[in-house]
Amino acid sequence: MWEGFVGVNLKAPFIVRDANGVPVVPAKTEDLPVDLNHDGFLTDADKNGWLYHLGLPVDTRLLPPLIYKPRAETYNWD
């Protein structure tokens, strides 16, 4: 949950190797995208924010019992 509500796609360092599988000298890395939910596809669900965390339900509506009562008239309820 490092990047807020929506989050960002993470990238992980990957060691570059030659055709024989030996690491290139001097050591080089490439940043490869991370499939956080392990479904084989890179989508918004792979971002690291609260919105996509473990498929938890999300609701962005304002609930009248929970708003700041002295300023309730400033909200548009349509």
Protein backbone atom coordinates (compact mmCIF):
# COMPACT_ATOMS: atom_id res chain seq x y z
CA MET A 1 0.00 0.00 0.00
CA TRP A 2 2.89 2.35 -0.64
CA GLU A 3 1.34 4.40 -3.42
CA GLY A 4 -2.04 5.52 -2.02
CA PHE A 5 -5.54 4.56 -3.10
CA VAL A 6 -5.01 3.55 -6.76
CA GLY A 7 -1.29 2.75 -6.63
CA VAL A 8 1.27 2.20 -9.37
CA ASN A 9 2.53 -0.81 -11.30
CA LEU A 10 5.61 -2.16 -9.57
CA LYS A 11 8.83 -3.05 -11.34
CA ALA A 12 11.43 -5.49 -10.07
CA PRO A 13 15.11 -5.62 -10.96
CA PHE A 14 16.06 -8.52 -13.21
CA ILE A 15 19.71 -9.48 -13.76
CA VAL A 16 20.70 -9.38 -17.42
CA ARG A 17 22.40 -12.61 -18.59
CA ASP A 18 24.21 -13.52 -21.79
CA ALA A 19 23.19 -16.36 -24.17
CA ASN A 20 24.84 -18.94 -21.86
CA GLY A 21 22.93 -17.75 -18.79
CA VAL A 22 25.95 -16.07 -17.21
CA PRO A 23 25.33 -12.64 -15.65
CA VAL A 24 26.73 -9.82 -17.77
CA VAL A 25 29.80 -8.11 -16.27
CA PRO A 26 29.63 -5.39 -15.10
CA ALA A 27 26.30 -6.33 -13.56
CA LYS A 28 23.29 -4.88 -15.37
CA THR A 29 19.65 -5.02 -14.43
CA GLU A 30 16.39 -4.34 -16.24
CA ASP A 31 13.21 -3.29 -14.49
CA LEU A 32 10.47 -5.78 -15.32
CA PRO A 33 6.80 -5.30 -14.39
CA VAL A 34 5.46 -7.40 -11.51
CA ASP A 35 2.26 -9.47 -11.78
CA LEU A 36 1.06 -8.99 -8.18
CA ASN A 37 -2.04 -11.16 -8.42
CA HIS A 38 -0.27 -13.96 -10.37
CA ASP A 39 -2.97 -14.25 -13.04
CA GLY A 40 -0.54 -14.06 -15.97
CA PHE A 41 -1.73 -10.63 -17.18
CA LEU A 42 -0.55 -7.11 -16.37
CA THR A 43 -3.68 -5.07 -15.63
CA ASP A 44 -4.78 -2.34 -13.22
CA ALA A 45 -5.39 -5.10 -10.66
CA ASP A 46 -1.58 -5.44 -10.41
CA LYS A 47 -1.19 -1.95 -8.96
CA ASN A 48 -0.18 -1.76 -5.31
CA GLY A 49 -2.82 0.65 -3.98
CA TRP A 50 -5.73 0.08 -1.61
CA LEU A 51 -8.22 -0.05 -4.48
CA TYR A 52 -6.96 -3.41 -5.73
CA HIS A 53 -5.65 -4.98 -2.51
CA LEU A 54 -6.80 -8.62 -2.22
CA GLY A 55 -10.02 -7.89 -4.13
CA LEU A 56 -11.56 -6.14 -1.14
CA PRO A 57 -14.86 -4.31 -1.77
CA VAL A 58 -14.60 -0.58 -2.42
CA ASP A 59 -17.29 2.10 -2.20
CA THR A 60 -16.68 5.79 -2.88
CA ARG A 61 -20.17 7.05 -2.02
CA LEU A 62 -20.67 9.50 0.82
CA LEU A 63 -22.84 7.97 3.51
CA PRO A 64 -25.07 10.57 5.23
CA PRO A 65 -24.62 9.15 8.76
CA LEU A 66 -20.83 9.41 8.40
CA ILE A 67 -20.36 12.91 7.03
CA TYR A 68 -19.39 15.92 9.10
CA LYS A 69 -22.82 17.10 10.25
CA PRO A 70 -22.17 20.88 10.56
CA ARG A 71 -21.25 20.99 6.82
CA ALA A 72 -23.83 18.51 5.47
CA GLU A 73 -25.52 21.20 3.37
CA THR A 74 -22.38 21.63 1.27
CA TYR A 75 -22.69 18.12 -0.24
CA ASN A 76 -24.65 17.44 -3.41
CA TRP A 77 -26.89 14.40 -2.90
CA ASP A 78 -28.23 14.04 -6.48
